[in-house]
């Protein structure tokens, strides 16, 4: 693979599971002496992180939608074709719509192999079909996604999980400075919720805050809550937090918006509520995780249910039940009031990521897919 030249394409450089995945993948590919170039709308909180890779980043003003065979589509496809020529790209790796659709068309026009990673089920069927038609190999990040993609007639999607660079998530990092900044007393119990505050995940955040209100009033008076993430429903969450604090007669909810340094927030938390990549990052930091996502509620992750948790992608692609304020409140109470159990689950969390989701192993699998695709050996 050392002679190959890979173009990674995403919509923009905002913070999200897909974007963070691509950032980590790019870092590890470069470490393995693979030439990497990025094509994306050069906007978002992760711009600096991508620039630190010291690889070419080509700005493309990716629109929210594209009109098939329209003038704008033609211009954007031609621009990506010019990037492929300029960087002597031999393989294009796409992740999203519409950027993946535009890059896939450009790659087809230039006779370049294309790999697609599917990260979720949130696109309309006609968009997924377009991406599948343009791709030579299909990767899915969870077992439910593999089943989903098979429903489109794809026989052999490859299952490769999100990879975590454990060096970027050390354990036992001091949270003293962040505690002072947020004015969280040392004896407080801290729970973190992190996700994009859009769609179903904004609803989960609302359920989470209401569950925490119950805990603050009835069970855990020293509770502090942190919400990290941006999105079009952030104002709704901020308003809900203000209402809850008024009812609880005190400030204890910290709405932080989009943040680049997630490790600091994981470190300050006693427990993390989240899904997908957030769950994996929190586990890498050695934190117990209660998994809740777009699909519904999974619960506390431990060594006995990690395979099942991944099969649900931590509540994002499958779940045990619908999430409710009462279910989440009771699970949080049970976990937060048992310090020894939290410590054990945190230790197990780190071990599970080391074993199953280490970026070094993931990239070796990715390089094999690249190689097979370039040889024409990968099948759909």
Protein backbone atom coordinates (compact mmCIF):
# COMPACT_ATOMS: atom_id res chain seq x y z
CA UNK A 1 0.00 0.00 0.00
CA UNK A 2 2.95 2.36 0.41
CA UNK A 3 2.74 3.44 -3.24
CA UNK A 4 -0.99 4.08 -3.09
CA UNK A 5 -2.52 7.52 -2.76
CA UNK A 6 -5.86 7.80 -0.93
CA UNK A 7 -8.41 10.62 -1.09
CA UNK A 8 -10.67 10.73 1.99
CA UNK A 9 -13.90 12.62 1.30
CA UNK A 10 -16.44 13.99 3.82
CA UNK A 11 -18.99 16.81 3.77
CA UNK A 12 -17.23 19.16 6.22
CA UNK A 13 -14.87 19.24 9.20
CA UNK A 14 -17.39 19.57 12.01
CA UNK A 15 -17.25 17.45 15.16
CA UNK A 16 -19.18 14.20 14.78
CA UNK A 17 -18.64 10.48 14.83
CA UNK A 18 -17.95 10.19 11.10
CA UNK A 19 -15.62 13.17 11.00
CA UNK A 20 -13.67 12.02 14.07
CA UNK A 21 -13.43 8.55 12.55
CA UNK A 22 -11.96 9.98 9.33
CA UNK A 23 -9.49 12.12 11.31
CA UNK A 24 -8.26 9.09 13.25
CA UNK A 25 -8.10 6.97 10.09
CA UNK A 26 -6.08 9.62 8.27
CA UNK A 27 -3.58 9.87 11.14
CA UNK A 28 -3.01 6.13 11.22
CA UNK A 29 -2.78 5.77 7.44
CA UNK A 30 -0.10 8.47 7.38
CA UNK A 31 1.77 6.61 10.14
CA UNK A 32 1.70 3.58 7.84
CA UNK A 33 3.33 5.60 5.04
CA UNK A 34 0.17 5.90 2.96
CA UNK A 35 -0.27 9.18 1.09
CA UNK A 36 -3.52 10.84 2.23
CA UNK A 37 -5.38 13.85 0.87
CA UNK A 38 -8.65 15.22 2.25
CA UNK A 39 -11.54 16.72 0.28
CA UNK A 40 -14.26 18.52 2.26
CA UNK A 41 -15.87 21.85 2.93
CA UNK A 42 -13.09 23.44 4.97
CA UNK A 43 -15.33 24.62 7.78
CA UNK A 44 -16.02 23.38 11.31
CA UNK A 45 -14.37 22.96 14.69
CA UNK A 46 -12.08 20.18 13.46
CA UNK A 47 -10.34 22.27 10.79
CA UNK A 48 -7.29 22.78 13.03
CA UNK A 49 -7.09 19.09 13.88
CA UNK A 50 -7.17 18.12 10.21
CA UNK A 51 -4.60 20.78 9.34
CA UNK A 52 -2.24 19.32 11.96
CA UNK A 53 -2.07 16.15 9.84
CA UNK A 54 0.12 18.14 7.40
CA UNK A 55 -1.53 16.50 4.43
CA UNK A 56 -3.27 18.26 1.50
CA UNK A 57 -6.79 19.48 2.35
CA UNK A 58 -8.84 20.55 -0.65
CA UNK A 59 -11.81 22.82 0.01
CA UNK A 60 -15.01 21.91 -1.79
CA UNK A 61 -18.15 23.87 -1.01
CA UNK A 62 -20.36 20.81 -0.51
CA UNK A 63 -24.07 21.74 -0.77
CA UNK A 64 -26.74 20.19 1.43
CA UNK A 65 -28.37 18.64 -1.64
CA UNK A 66 -27.39 18.13 -5.26
CA UNK A 67 -29.55 18.29 -8.37
CA UNK A 68 -28.62 15.22 -10.48
CA UNK A 69 -27.06 16.25 -13.78
CA UNK A 70 -27.38 19.93 -12.82
CA UNK A 71 -24.76 22.59 -13.49
CA UNK A 72 -23.52 22.70 -9.86
CA UNK A 73 -23.10 18.93 -9.71
CA UNK A 74 -21.09 18.98 -12.94
CA UNK A 75 -18.80 21.72 -11.61
CA UNK A 76 -18.19 19.95 -8.29
CA UNK A 77 -17.52 16.58 -9.92
CA UNK A 78 -15.03 18.23 -12.27
CA UNK A 79 -13.32 19.90 -9.30
CA UNK A 80 -12.89 16.53 -7.56
CA UNK A 81 -11.60 15.04 -10.81
CA UNK A 82 -8.94 17.78 -10.87
CA UNK A 83 -7.97 16.91 -7.28
CA UNK A 84 -7.64 13.24 -8.25
CA UNK A 85 -5.36 14.26 -11.11
CA UNK A 86 -3.33 16.77 -9.09
CA UNK A 87 -2.68 14.38 -6.19
CA UNK A 88 -2.31 11.30 -8.44
CA UNK A 89 -5.00 9.55 -6.37
CA UNK A 90 -5.34 5.79 -6.80
CA UNK A 91 -8.25 5.16 -4.39
CA UNK A 92 -11.16 7.31 -3.16
CA UNK A 93 -12.74 6.57 0.25
CA UNK A 94 -16.19 8.12 0.78
CA UNK A 95 -18.33 8.33 3.91
CA UNK A 96 -21.34 10.63 3.47
CA UNK A 97 -23.95 11.98 1.09
CA UNK A 98 -23.73 14.26 -0.89
CA UNK A 99 -19.90 14.49 -0.79
CA UNK A 100 -19.59 10.75 -1.37
CA UNK A 101 -21.94 10.88 -4.34
CA UNK A 102 -19.94 13.68 -5.99
CA UNK A 103 -16.58 12.02 -5.28
CA UNK A 104 -17.91 8.63 -6.38
CA UNK A 105 -18.96 10.07 -9.74
CA UNK A 106 -15.60 11.78 -10.16
CA UNK A 107 -13.77 8.55 -9.33
CA UNK A 108 -15.87 6.58 -11.83
CA UNK A 109 -15.14 9.16 -14.53
CA UNK A 110 -11.42 8.81 -13.84
CA UNK A 111 -11.46 5.01 -13.50
CA UNK A 112 -10.44 5.18 -9.83
CA UNK A 113 -11.40 2.52 -7.25
CA UNK A 114 -13.90 3.66 -4.60
CA UNK A 115 -14.48 2.40 -1.04
CA UNK A 116 -17.59 3.42 0.93
CA UNK A 117 -17.87 3.28 4.72
CA UNK A 118 -21.48 3.31 5.93
CA UNK A 119 -21.83 4.99 9.33
CA UNK A 120 -25.61 5.02 9.87
CA UNK A 121 -29.10 4.48 8.52
CA UNK A 122 -30.11 8.14 8.51
CA UNK A 123 -30.02 8.74 4.74
CA UNK A 124 -33.02 8.14 2.46
CA UNK A 125 -32.89 4.87 0.54
CA UNK A 126 -32.34 6.55 -2.83
CA UNK A 127 -29.21 8.29 -1.52
CA UNK A 128 -27.73 5.10 -0.11
CA UNK A 129 -28.45 3.31 -3.39
CA UNK A 130 -26.51 5.98 -5.31
CA UNK A 131 -23.50 5.58 -3.00
CA UNK A 132 -23.62 1.79 -3.28
CA UNK A 133 -23.78 1.93 -7.08
CA UNK A 134 -20.67 4.11 -7.20
CA UNK A 135 -18.61 1.99 -4.76
CA UNK A 136 -16.37 -1.00 -5.42
CA UNK A 137 -16.17 -2.09 -1.77
CA UNK A 138 -18.56 -1.47 1.12
CA UNK A 139 -17.51 -1.21 4.79
CA UNK A 140 -19.99 -1.11 7.70
CA UNK A 141 -19.04 0.00 11.22
CA UNK A 142 -21.51 -2.27 13.06
CA UNK A 143 -23.34 -5.59 12.57
CA UNK A 144 -26.81 -3.95 12.26
CA UNK A 145 -25.46 -1.77 9.46
CA UNK A 146 -24.19 -4.87 7.66
CA UNK A 147 -27.71 -6.33 7.76
CA UNK A 148 -29.13 -2.99 6.62
CA UNK A 149 -26.80 -2.81 3.62
CA UNK A 150 -27.52 -6.44 2.71
CA UNK A 151 -31.17 -5.44 2.35
CA UNK A 152 -30.09 -3.41 -0.69
CA UNK A 153 -28.73 -6.52 -2.37
CA UNK A 154 -25.11 -6.09 -1.28
CA UNK A 155 -23.91 -9.62 -0.53
CA UNK A 156 -20.54 -9.07 1.13
CA UNK A 157 -20.20 -5.81 3.07
CA UNK A 158 -17.06 -5.82 5.20
CA UNK A 159 -17.43 -5.27 8.95
CA UNK A 160 -14.76 -2.95 10.38
CA UNK A 161 -15.51 -1.09 13.65
CA UNK A 162 -14.60 2.49 14.44
CA UNK A 163 -11.02 2.53 15.66
CA UNK A 164 -9.79 4.38 18.74
CA UNK A 165 -6.23 5.63 19.20
CA UNK A 166 -5.63 4.74 22.84
CA UNK A 167 -2.68 7.14 23.09
CA UNK A 168 -5.14 10.02 22.65
CA UNK A 169 -7.31 8.84 25.57
CA UNK A 170 -5.00 8.29 28.55
CA UNK A 171 -6.56 7.35 31.87
CA UNK A 172 -6.27 9.09 35.23
CA UNK A 173 -5.74 12.56 33.76
CA UNK A 174 -6.31 15.34 36.29
CA UNK A 175 -9.65 17.11 35.94
CA UNK A 176 -8.86 19.75 38.55
CA UNK A 177 -8.49 22.66 36.11
CA UNK A 178 -11.73 21.91 34.28
CA UNK A 179 -13.57 21.45 37.58
CA UNK A 180 -12.40 24.90 38.67
CA UNK A 181 -13.44 26.41 35.34
CA UNK A 182 -16.93 24.92 35.61
CA UNK A 183 -17.12 25.54 39.39
CA UNK A 184 -17.83 21.89 40.13
CA UNK A 185 -16.93 20.98 43.75
CA UNK A 186 -14.52 18.08 44.29
CA UNK A 187 -17.13 16.00 46.11
CA UNK A 188 -19.63 16.22 43.23
CA UNK A 189 -20.78 13.30 41.11
CA UNK A 190 -20.46 14.23 37.43
CA UNK A 191 -22.39 12.73 34.52
CA UNK A 192 -21.60 13.60 30.91
CA UNK A 193 -23.85 13.41 27.86
CA UNK A 194 -22.15 13.98 24.49
CA UNK A 195 -23.63 13.92 20.99
CA UNK A 196 -24.84 16.14 18.22
CA UNK A 197 -27.90 17.99 19.50
CA UNK A 198 -30.02 17.18 16.48
CA UNK A 199 -32.75 14.73 15.48
CA UNK A 200 -33.33 11.81 17.84
CA UNK A 201 -30.18 12.53 19.86
CA UNK A 202 -31.64 15.87 20.97
CA UNK A 203 -34.66 13.96 22.28
CA UNK A 204 -32.35 11.57 24.14
CA UNK A 205 -30.58 14.59 25.65
CA UNK A 206 -33.94 15.95 26.82
CA UNK A 207 -34.79 12.59 28.45
CA UNK A 208 -31.32 12.54 30.04
CA UNK A 209 -31.74 16.01 31.57
CA UNK A 210 -35.15 15.15 33.00
CA UNK A 211 -33.75 11.92 34.48
CA UNK A 212 -30.94 13.94 36.07
CA UNK A 213 -33.47 16.39 37.51
CA UNK A 214 -35.15 13.50 39.34
CA UNK A 215 -31.79 12.32 40.67
CA UNK A 216 -30.81 15.80 41.82
CA UNK A 217 -34.06 16.31 43.71
CA UNK A 218 -34.45 12.85 45.24
CA UNK A 219 -31.24 10.79 45.30
CA UNK A 220 -27.99 12.58 44.43
CA UNK A 221 -28.02 16.21 45.65
CA UNK A 222 -24.33 16.68 44.74
CA UNK A 223 -24.96 15.77 41.08
CA UNK A 224 -23.47 17.89 38.30
CA UNK A 225 -24.35 17.38 34.64
CA UNK A 226 -22.33 18.25 31.52
CA UNK A 227 -23.76 18.30 27.99
CA UNK A 228 -21.30 18.56 25.10
CA UNK A 229 -22.40 18.95 21.49
CA UNK A 230 -23.78 21.41 19.00
CA UNK A 231 -26.74 21.32 16.67
CA UNK A 232 -29.96 22.95 15.59
CA UNK A 233 -31.78 22.02 18.82
CA UNK A 234 -29.12 23.29 21.21
CA UNK A 235 -31.27 26.32 22.15
CA UNK A 236 -34.11 23.95 23.14
CA UNK A 237 -31.73 22.03 25.41
CA UNK A 238 -30.40 25.25 26.94
CA UNK A 239 -33.96 26.40 27.70
CA UNK A 240 -34.81 23.02 29.25
CA UNK A 241 -31.66 23.16 31.40
CA UNK A 242 -32.62 26.62 32.70
CA UNK A 243 -36.11 25.41 33.58
CA UNK A 244 -34.76 22.36 35.42
CA UNK A 245 -32.22 24.42 37.37
CA UNK A 246 -35.04 26.76 38.41
CA UNK A 247 -37.02 23.78 39.69
CA UNK A 248 -33.96 22.43 41.50
CA UNK A 249 -33.08 25.89 42.85
CA UNK A 250 -29.42 25.69 41.89
CA UNK A 251 -26.90 25.69 39.06
CA UNK A 252 -25.67 22.21 38.19
CA UNK A 253 -26.15 21.74 34.42
CA UNK A 254 -23.26 22.83 32.20
CA UNK A 255 -24.20 23.17 28.51
CA UNK A 256 -20.87 23.40 26.71
CA UNK A 257 -21.81 23.34 23.03
CA UNK A 258 -19.38 21.86 20.51
CA UNK A 259 -15.95 21.09 21.98
CA UNK A 260 -12.70 19.99 20.38
CA UNK A 261 -11.01 18.54 23.46
CA UNK A 262 -13.39 15.77 24.40
CA UNK A 263 -10.82 13.90 26.45
CA UNK A 264 -10.92 16.56 29.17
CA UNK A 265 -14.68 16.18 29.49
CA UNK A 266 -14.51 12.39 29.59
CA UNK A 267 -11.86 12.65 32.31
CA UNK A 268 -14.02 14.82 34.57
CA UNK A 269 -17.01 12.46 34.36
CA UNK A 270 -17.85 9.63 36.74
CA UNK A 271 -20.13 8.17 34.09
CA UNK A 272 -20.83 8.90 30.40
CA UNK A 273 -24.17 8.55 28.63
CA UNK A 274 -23.77 8.23 24.89
CA UNK A 275 -23.65 6.07 21.81
CA UNK A 276 -21.48 5.13 18.85
CA UNK A 277 -18.05 6.70 18.85
CA UNK A 278 -18.74 8.70 22.02
CA UNK A 279 -19.25 5.41 23.87
CA UNK A 280 -15.96 4.03 22.52
CA UNK A 281 -13.98 7.18 23.35
CA UNK A 282 -15.39 7.30 26.89
CA UNK A 283 -14.58 3.61 27.37
CA UNK A 284 -11.03 4.21 26.12
CA UNK A 285 -10.69 6.87 28.84
CA UNK A 286 -11.69 4.22 31.39
CA UNK A 287 -15.21 5.45 32.10
CA UNK A 288 -18.37 3.40 32.65
CA UNK A 289 -20.86 3.97 29.84
CA UNK A 290 -24.65 3.84 29.72
CA UNK A 291 -25.44 3.37 26.03
CA UNK A 292 -28.43 5.25 24.57
CA UNK A 293 -28.72 6.30 20.94
CA UNK A 294 -30.88 7.08 17.92
CA UNK A 295 -32.47 3.63 17.97
CA UNK A 296 -33.12 3.44 21.71
CA UNK A 297 -31.80 2.23 25.05
CA UNK A 298 -29.14 -0.43 25.62
CA UNK A 299 -27.90 0.21 29.17
CA UNK A 300 -24.63 -0.11 31.06
CA UNK A 301 -21.84 -1.66 28.99
CA UNK A 302 -19.68 -4.33 30.62
CA UNK A 303 -17.45 -7.25 29.60
CA UNK A 304 -20.38 -9.66 29.61
CA UNK A 305 -22.46 -7.69 27.11
CA UNK A 306 -19.85 -5.89 24.97
CA UNK A 307 -20.56 -8.05 21.91
CA UNK A 308 -24.28 -7.37 22.24
CA UNK A 309 -23.57 -3.65 22.78
CA UNK A 310 -21.54 -3.53 19.56
CA UNK A 311 -24.24 -5.50 17.76
CA UNK A 312 -26.54 -2.59 18.65
CA UNK A 313 -23.74 -0.03 18.08
CA UNK A 314 -24.40 1.14 21.63
CA UNK A 315 -28.03 2.05 20.97
CA UNK A 316 -27.50 3.87 17.68
CA UNK A 317 -28.23 1.05 15.21
CA UNK A 318 -30.24 -1.23 17.50
CA UNK A 319 -31.49 -1.31 21.11
CA UNK A 320 -33.10 -3.36 23.85
CA UNK A 321 -36.03 -1.02 24.40
CA UNK A 322 -37.21 2.53 23.85
CA UNK A 323 -35.49 5.03 26.11
CA UNK A 324 -37.50 6.69 28.86
CA UNK A 325 -36.73 9.09 31.65
CA UNK A 326 -37.56 6.43 34.25
CA UNK A 327 -35.37 3.70 32.75
CA UNK A 328 -32.40 6.04 32.40
CA UNK A 329 -32.93 7.57 35.85
CA UNK A 330 -32.99 4.17 37.56
CA UNK A 331 -29.89 2.94 35.71
CA UNK A 332 -27.97 6.11 36.52
CA UNK A 333 -28.96 5.91 40.18
CA UNK A 334 -27.92 2.27 40.46
CA UNK A 335 -24.53 2.94 38.87
CA UNK A 336 -23.66 6.32 40.40
CA UNK A 337 -24.34 5.19 43.97
CA UNK A 338 -22.02 2.16 43.62
CA UNK A 339 -18.47 3.53 43.38
CA UNK A 340 -16.83 0.10 43.33
CA UNK A 341 -19.04 -1.03 40.45
CA UNK A 342 -18.26 2.17 38.53
CA UNK A 343 -14.54 1.58 39.05
CA UNK A 344 -14.83 -2.01 37.81
CA UNK A 345 -16.84 -1.07 34.73
CA UNK A 346 -14.37 1.71 33.94
CA UNK A 347 -11.45 -0.74 34.07
CA UNK A 348 -13.34 -3.19 31.86
CA UNK A 349 -14.18 -0.40 29.43
CA UNK A 350 -10.53 0.37 28.72
CA UNK A 351 -9.68 -3.32 28.33
CA UNK A 352 -12.55 -3.87 25.87
CA UNK A 353 -11.42 -1.00 23.64
CA UNK A 354 -7.83 -2.26 23.71
CA UNK A 355 -9.00 -5.71 22.64
CA UNK A 356 -11.71 -4.93 20.08
CA UNK A 357 -11.44 -1.33 18.83
CA UNK A 358 -7.74 -0.43 18.74
CA UNK A 359 -7.09 1.85 15.74
CA UNK A 360 -3.89 -0.02 14.85
CA UNK A 361 -5.79 -3.24 14.24
CA UNK A 362 -8.61 -1.42 12.45
CA UNK A 363 -6.22 0.26 10.02
CA UNK A 364 -4.59 -3.07 9.17
CA UNK A 365 -8.05 -4.34 8.18
CA UNK A 366 -8.64 -1.14 6.21
CA UNK A 367 -5.37 -1.49 4.32
CA UNK A 368 -6.35 -5.01 3.31
CA UNK A 369 -9.67 -3.73 1.93
CA UNK A 370 -7.82 -1.03 0.00
CA UNK A 371 -5.42 -3.59 -1.41
CA UNK A 372 -8.17 -6.05 -2.36
CA UNK A 373 -10.23 -3.27 -3.98
CA UNK A 374 -7.30 -2.04 -6.04
CA UNK A 375 -6.64 -5.60 -7.22
CA UNK A 376 -10.30 -5.92 -8.19
CA UNK A 377 -10.79 -8.66 -5.63
CA UNK A 378 -13.48 -7.08 -3.46
CA UNK A 379 -17.07 -7.98 -4.24
CA UNK A 380 -20.34 -6.30 -3.39
